[in-house]
Amino acid sequence: MDPARAFVLEAEISLSDGLDPAAVGAAVTVELCGHWEHEGACRWPHNSAIDTNDQPARFRTLFVADQAEESDVRQRIEASLRGAEAWRVESVRSRPVAGSERALAQRLLTGPRLTRSGAPRRTAG
């Protein structure tokens, strides 16, 4: 199995009026973990953030996956973003982990992670 790595998916999103911006990240967590509020480790540890200072809003998910799973995880995240009616996705792109995100990436890489079977494992960066 390939060692886990950190990846970033970034999107520009037009939010509906009155929408709680946290709903965007919650949709990603539901897709990757089954529920936006869950206990324990994730198969694909991730962290989402949204900046609503500009329109469209800039959303990003930093996630940890094995190289072989990267494409599948990206597709899942993008599907969760595009499948919502409360916002419109203007663009989606991959980008490298930013310098300001490296500590977060390292924390996610070295934290607990579930295997395909659902058993916990520790990952090393």
C-alpha atoms as a PDB file:
ATOM      1  CA  MET A   1       0.000   0.000   0.000  1.00  0.00           C
ATOM      2  CA  ASP A   2       1.231   3.465  -0.883  1.00  0.00           C
ATOM      3  CA  PRO A   3       2.049   5.768   1.998  1.00  0.00           C
ATOM      4  CA  ALA A   4      -0.621   8.333   2.741  1.00  0.00           C
ATOM      5  CA  ARG A   5      -0.166  11.870   1.455  1.00  0.00           C
ATOM      6  CA  ALA A   6      -1.974  15.159   1.923  1.00  0.00           C
ATOM      7  CA  PHE A   7      -3.912  16.677  -0.983  1.00  0.00           C
ATOM      8  CA  VAL A   8      -6.061  19.768  -1.509  1.00  0.00           C
ATOM      9  CA  LEU A   9      -9.227  20.307  -3.509  1.00  0.00           C
ATOM     10  CA  GLU A  10     -10.307  23.915  -3.852  1.00  0.00           C
ATOM     11  CA  ALA A  11     -13.576  25.276  -5.234  1.00  0.00           C
ATOM     12  CA  GLU A  12     -15.254  28.590  -5.858  1.00  0.00           C
ATOM     13  CA  ILE A  13     -18.874  28.375  -4.700  1.00  0.00           C
ATOM     14  CA  SER A  14     -21.818  30.764  -4.930  1.00  0.00           C
ATOM     15  CA  LEU A  15     -23.855  30.293  -1.763  1.00  0.00           C
ATOM     16  CA  SER A  16     -27.620  30.750  -1.538  1.00  0.00           C
ATOM     17  CA  ASP A  17     -28.774  33.677   0.588  1.00  0.00           C
ATOM     18  CA  GLY A  18     -29.018  32.773   4.259  1.00  0.00           C
ATOM     19  CA  LEU A  19     -27.090  29.517   3.919  1.00  0.00           C
ATOM     20  CA  ASP A  20     -24.769  28.622   6.789  1.00  0.00           C
ATOM     21  CA  PRO A  21     -21.376  28.347   5.026  1.00  0.00           C
ATOM     22  CA  ALA A  22     -20.475  25.412   7.297  1.00  0.00           C
ATOM     23  CA  ALA A  23     -23.015  23.351   5.331  1.00  0.00           C
ATOM     24  CA  VAL A  24     -20.506  23.033   2.493  1.00  0.00           C
ATOM     25  CA  GLY A  25     -17.886  21.335   4.677  1.00  0.00           C
ATOM     26  CA  ALA A  26     -20.598  19.235   6.337  1.00  0.00           C
ATOM     27  CA  ALA A  27     -21.622  17.894   2.907  1.00  0.00           C
ATOM     28  CA  VAL A  28     -18.026  16.808   2.266  1.00  0.00           C
ATOM     29  CA  THR A  29     -17.817  15.111   5.666  1.00  0.00           C
ATOM     30  CA  VAL A  30     -21.084  13.252   5.034  1.00  0.00           C
ATOM     31  CA  GLU A  31     -19.671  11.989   1.740  1.00  0.00           C
ATOM     32  CA  LEU A  32     -16.335  10.894   3.202  1.00  0.00           C
ATOM     33  CA  CYS A  33     -17.460   9.705   6.647  1.00  0.00           C
ATOM     34  CA  GLY A  34     -21.177   8.906   6.398  1.00  0.00           C
ATOM     35  CA  HIS A  35     -22.352  11.681   8.723  1.00  0.00           C
ATOM     36  CA  TRP A  36     -21.246  15.238   9.458  1.00  0.00           C
ATOM     37  CA  GLU A  37     -21.107  14.415  13.167  1.00  0.00           C
ATOM     38  CA  HIS A  38     -19.262  11.161  13.794  1.00  0.00           C
ATOM     39  CA  GLU A  39     -17.052   9.629  16.442  1.00  0.00           C
ATOM     40  CA  GLY A  40     -13.588   8.244  15.981  1.00  0.00           C
ATOM     41  CA  ALA A  41     -11.168   8.211  13.093  1.00  0.00           C
ATOM     42  CA  CYS A  42     -11.932   8.779   9.431  1.00  0.00           C
ATOM     43  CA  ARG A  43     -10.851   6.605   6.547  1.00  0.00           C
ATOM     44  CA  TRP A  44      -9.823   9.839   4.819  1.00  0.00           C
ATOM     45  CA  PRO A  45      -8.954  12.418   7.480  1.00  0.00           C
ATOM     46  CA  HIS A  46      -9.794  15.865   6.188  1.00  0.00           C
ATOM     47  CA  ASN A  47     -10.311  19.477   7.119  1.00  0.00           C
ATOM     48  CA  SER A  48     -12.527  21.923   5.266  1.00  0.00           C
ATOM     49  CA  ALA A  49     -12.551  25.703   5.349  1.00  0.00           C
ATOM     50  CA  ILE A  50     -14.554  28.346   3.543  1.00  0.00           C
ATOM     51  CA  ASP A  51     -13.767  32.021   3.024  1.00  0.00           C
ATOM     52  CA  THR A  52     -16.927  34.022   2.381  1.00  0.00           C
ATOM     53  CA  ASN A  53     -15.222  37.430   2.262  1.00  0.00           C
ATOM     54  CA  ASP A  54     -15.347  37.344  -1.540  1.00  0.00           C
ATOM     55  CA  GLN A  55     -18.024  36.142  -3.921  1.00  0.00           C
ATOM     56  CA  PRO A  56     -17.939  33.472  -5.014  1.00  0.00           C
ATOM     57  CA  ALA A  57     -16.764  31.982  -1.726  1.00  0.00           C
ATOM     58  CA  ARG A  58     -13.498  30.050  -1.757  1.00  0.00           C
ATOM     59  CA  PHE A  59     -13.781  26.552  -0.259  1.00  0.00           C
ATOM     60  CA  ARG A  60     -11.008  24.047   0.314  1.00  0.00           C
ATOM     61  CA  THR A  61     -10.717  20.546   1.678  1.00  0.00           C
ATOM     62  CA  LEU A  62      -7.317  19.262   2.735  1.00  0.00           C
ATOM     63  CA  PHE A  63      -7.492  15.458   2.864  1.00  0.00           C
ATOM     64  CA  VAL A  64      -5.255  12.476   3.529  1.00  0.00           C
ATOM     65  CA  ALA A  65      -5.347   9.430   1.276  1.00  0.00           C
ATOM     66  CA  ASP A  66      -3.117   6.775  -0.207  1.00  0.00           C
ATOM     67  CA  GLN A  67      -1.909   7.776  -3.679  1.00  0.00           C
ATOM     68  CA  ALA A  68      -4.051   5.011  -5.207  1.00  0.00           C
ATOM     69  CA  GLU A  69      -7.202   6.485  -3.575  1.00  0.00           C
ATOM     70  CA  GLU A  70      -6.568  10.161  -4.338  1.00  0.00           C
ATOM     71  CA  SER A  71      -8.664  10.270  -7.513  1.00  0.00           C
ATOM     72  CA  ASP A  72     -11.607   8.479  -5.867  1.00  0.00           C
ATOM     73  CA  VAL A  73     -11.547  10.818  -2.858  1.00  0.00           C
ATOM     74  CA  ARG A  74     -11.368  13.889  -5.122  1.00  0.00           C
ATOM     75  CA  GLN A  75     -14.339  12.587  -7.122  1.00  0.00           C
ATOM     76  CA  ARG A  76     -16.315  12.013  -3.916  1.00  0.00           C
ATOM     77  CA  ILE A  77     -15.602  15.528  -2.669  1.00  0.00           C
ATOM     78  CA  GLU A  78     -16.488  17.109  -5.999  1.00  0.00           C
ATOM     79  CA  ALA A  79     -19.697  15.042  -6.261  1.00  0.00           C
ATOM     80  CA  SER A  80     -20.746  16.193  -2.789  1.00  0.00           C
ATOM     81  CA  LEU A  81     -20.162  19.812  -3.802  1.00  0.00           C
ATOM     82  CA  ARG A  82     -21.915  19.553  -7.152  1.00  0.00           C
ATOM     83  CA  GLY A  83     -24.826  17.523  -5.762  1.00  0.00           C
ATOM     84  CA  ALA A  84     -26.135  20.247  -3.463  1.00  0.00           C
ATOM     85  CA  GLU A  85     -28.941  22.626  -4.389  1.00  0.00           C
ATOM     86  CA  ALA A  86     -28.061  25.243  -1.748  1.00  0.00           C
ATOM     87  CA  TRP A  87     -25.023  26.465  -3.673  1.00  0.00           C
ATOM     88  CA  ARG A  88     -23.541  26.504  -7.149  1.00  0.00           C
ATOM     89  CA  VAL A  89     -20.014  25.327  -7.904  1.00  0.00           C
ATOM     90  CA  GLU A  90     -18.262  27.829 -10.152  1.00  0.00           C
ATOM     91  CA  SER A  91     -14.926  26.009 -10.410  1.00  0.00           C
ATOM     92  CA  VAL A  92     -12.974  23.131  -8.869  1.00  0.00           C
ATOM     93  CA  ARG A  93      -9.247  22.580  -8.941  1.00  0.00           C
ATOM     94  CA  SER A  94      -6.440  20.686  -7.286  1.00  0.00           C
ATOM     95  CA  ARG A  95      -3.574  22.583  -5.753  1.00  0.00           C
ATOM     96  CA  PRO A  96      -0.551  21.785  -3.608  1.00  0.00           C
ATOM     97  CA  VAL A  97      -0.739  22.039   0.165  1.00  0.00           C
ATOM     98  CA  ALA A  98       0.066  25.673   1.014  1.00  0.00           C
ATOM     99  CA  GLY A  99       2.829  26.567   3.441  1.00  0.00           C
ATOM    100  CA  SER A 100       0.233  27.782   5.949  1.00  0.00           C
ATOM    101  CA  GLU A 101      -1.457  24.352   5.769  1.00  0.00           C
ATOM    102  CA  ARG A 102       1.618  22.162   6.287  1.00  0.00           C
ATOM    103  CA  ALA A 103       1.181  21.778  10.059  1.00  0.00           C
ATOM    104  CA  LEU A 104      -2.466  20.789   9.569  1.00  0.00           C
ATOM    105  CA  ALA A 105      -1.470  18.313   6.858  1.00  0.00           C
ATOM    106  CA  GLN A 106       1.163  16.775   9.138  1.00  0.00           C
ATOM    107  CA  ARG A 107      -1.348  16.468  11.987  1.00  0.00           C
ATOM    108  CA  LEU A 108      -3.830  14.685   9.709  1.00  0.00           C
ATOM    109  CA  LEU A 109      -1.092  12.453   8.278  1.00  0.00           C
ATOM    110  CA  THR A 110       0.109  11.278  11.681  1.00  0.00           C
ATOM    111  CA  GLY A 111      -3.285  10.938  13.335  1.00  0.00           C
ATOM    112  CA  PRO A 112      -5.475   7.850  13.525  1.00  0.00           C
ATOM    113  CA  ARG A 113      -7.023   6.589  10.305  1.00  0.00           C
ATOM    114  CA  LEU A 114      -9.403   3.772   9.405  1.00  0.00           C
ATOM    115  CA  THR A 115      -8.446   1.089   6.899  1.00  0.00           C
ATOM    116  CA  ARG A 116     -10.759  -0.095   4.114  1.00  0.00           C
ATOM    117  CA  SER A 117     -12.152  -2.698   6.508  1.00  0.00           C
ATOM    118  CA  GLY A 118     -12.894  -0.029   9.114  1.00  0.00           C
ATOM    119  CA  ALA A 119     -10.113  -1.100  11.488  1.00  0.00           C
ATOM    120  CA  PRO A 120      -8.069   1.750  13.001  1.00  0.00           C
ATOM    121  CA  ARG A 121      -4.444   2.232  11.994  1.00  0.00           C
ATOM    122  CA  ARG A 122      -1.801   4.834  12.601  1.00  0.00           C
ATOM    123  CA  THR A 123      -0.327   6.479   9.537  1.00  0.00           C
ATOM    124  CA  ALA A 124       3.125   7.875   9.131  1.00  0.00           C
ATOM    125  CA  GLY A 125       3.892  10.863   6.934  1.00  0.00           C
END
